[in-house]
Amino acid sequence: MAYADDLLKDARHLAKRGGGHPKQSSLRRAVSTAYYAAFHLLVADFVANWRTPGQRARLGRMFEHRRMSGAVFEAGNKRNPTPIEADIKTLIEKFAQLQ
């Protein structure tokens, strides 16, 4: 997760450049870097829990940006999702929005 943490620090730094009048290019780069931080955090978390350590690096390279941003999740009870189901839905929406 160190890489994702570094990317998030970089995103914050880019967003703060220029003080009260940041350039559009800095803001756009900050959003892009935050997206990559989220992407790598999600992949790293999934891969870290894979039971065969020798397959983790290869598995991590199998994740695709397009497929991840198009992920669909349906709660068991759409009218009354559990807190975790609601969080997963929000995560998917924010991830796609960052992309």
Protein backbone atom coordinates (compact mmCIF):
# COMPACT_ATOMS: atom_id res chain seq x y z
CA MET A 1 0.00 0.00 0.00
CA ALA A 2 3.03 2.25 0.18
CA TYR A 3 2.76 3.00 -3.54
CA ALA A 4 -0.90 3.99 -3.23
CA ASP A 5 -0.04 6.16 -0.22
CA ASP A 6 2.72 7.89 -2.19
CA LEU A 7 0.34 8.55 -5.08
CA LEU A 8 -2.23 10.04 -2.73
CA LYS A 9 0.40 12.34 -1.20
CA ASP A 10 1.39 13.41 -4.71
CA ALA A 11 -2.26 14.10 -5.56
CA ARG A 12 -2.66 16.32 -2.49
CA HIS A 13 0.54 18.17 -3.35
CA LEU A 14 -0.63 18.80 -6.92
CA ALA A 15 -4.03 20.01 -5.73
CA LYS A 16 -2.41 22.54 -3.39
CA ARG A 17 0.00 23.96 -5.97
CA GLY A 18 -0.68 27.58 -6.67
CA GLY A 19 -2.34 28.24 -3.31
CA GLY A 20 -5.75 29.81 -3.78
CA HIS A 21 -5.39 29.89 -7.56
CA PRO A 22 -4.25 26.45 -8.73
CA LYS A 23 -3.83 25.81 -12.42
CA GLN A 24 -6.34 23.56 -14.16
CA SER A 25 -3.48 21.33 -15.23
CA SER A 26 -2.45 20.79 -11.60
CA LEU A 27 -6.02 20.01 -10.55
CA ARG A 28 -6.54 17.58 -13.42
CA ARG A 29 -3.25 15.87 -12.67
CA ALA A 30 -4.25 15.66 -8.98
CA VAL A 31 -7.51 13.89 -9.86
CA SER A 32 -5.70 11.52 -12.21
CA THR A 33 -3.11 10.70 -9.56
CA ALA A 34 -5.84 10.16 -6.94
CA TYR A 35 -7.51 7.74 -9.34
CA TYR A 36 -4.30 5.75 -9.72
CA ALA A 37 -3.90 5.72 -5.93
CA ALA A 38 -7.40 4.23 -5.60
CA PHE A 39 -6.75 1.72 -8.38
CA HIS A 40 -3.50 0.49 -6.88
CA LEU A 41 -4.96 0.41 -3.36
CA LEU A 42 -7.86 -1.79 -4.48
CA VAL A 43 -5.59 -4.12 -6.46
CA ALA A 44 -3.03 -4.36 -3.64
CA ASP A 45 -5.73 -5.13 -1.08
CA PHE A 46 -7.26 -7.86 -3.23
CA VAL A 47 -3.91 -9.41 -4.14
CA ALA A 48 -2.64 -9.34 -0.54
CA ASN A 49 -5.50 -11.64 0.45
CA TRP A 50 -4.86 -14.15 -2.33
CA ARG A 51 -3.93 -17.43 -0.69
CA THR A 52 -1.11 -18.38 -3.08
CA PRO A 53 1.70 -15.83 -2.60
CA GLY A 54 3.54 -16.94 -5.75
CA GLN A 55 0.56 -15.88 -7.89
CA ARG A 56 0.01 -12.42 -6.37
CA ALA A 57 2.17 -10.35 -8.73
CA ARG A 58 0.73 -12.03 -11.81
CA LEU A 59 -2.80 -11.64 -10.47
CA GLY A 60 -2.22 -7.93 -9.83
CA ARG A 61 -1.29 -7.39 -13.47
CA MET A 62 -4.62 -8.91 -14.59
CA PHE A 63 -6.73 -6.02 -13.30
CA GLU A 64 -8.01 -3.71 -16.04
CA HIS A 65 -8.98 -0.09 -15.56
CA ARG A 66 -12.00 -0.26 -17.87
CA ARG A 67 -13.47 -3.36 -16.26
CA MET A 68 -12.97 -2.01 -12.75
CA SER A 69 -14.68 1.28 -13.54
CA GLY A 70 -17.58 -0.61 -15.07
CA ALA A 71 -18.11 -2.86 -12.07
CA VAL A 72 -21.71 -3.47 -11.12
CA PHE A 73 -22.88 -4.39 -7.66
CA GLU A 74 -26.39 -5.18 -6.59
CA ALA A 75 -27.30 -5.35 -2.92
CA GLY A 76 -29.21 -8.39 -1.71
CA ASN A 77 -32.11 -6.13 -0.72
CA LYS A 78 -32.10 -3.05 -2.95
CA ARG A 79 -34.49 -1.14 -0.67
CA ASN A 80 -32.53 -1.85 2.49
CA PRO A 81 -28.86 -2.57 1.75
CA THR A 82 -26.52 -3.42 4.59
CA PRO A 83 -23.95 -0.73 5.53
CA ILE A 84 -21.21 -2.72 3.79
CA GLU A 85 -23.30 -3.09 0.63
CA ALA A 86 -23.95 0.66 0.65
CA ASP A 87 -20.22 1.34 1.07
CA ILE A 88 -19.34 -0.98 -1.81
CA LYS A 89 -21.87 0.75 -4.05
CA THR A 90 -20.43 4.17 -3.10
CA LEU A 91 -16.88 2.95 -3.71
CA ILE A 92 -17.76 1.75 -7.20
CA GLU A 93 -19.51 5.05 -8.02
CA LYS A 94 -16.58 7.18 -6.74
CA PHE A 95 -14.03 5.03 -8.54
CA ALA A 96 -15.87 5.44 -11.85
CA GLN A 97 -16.24 9.17 -11.19
CA LEU A 98 -12.49 9.54 -10.59
CA GLN A 99 -11.73 7.77 -13.82
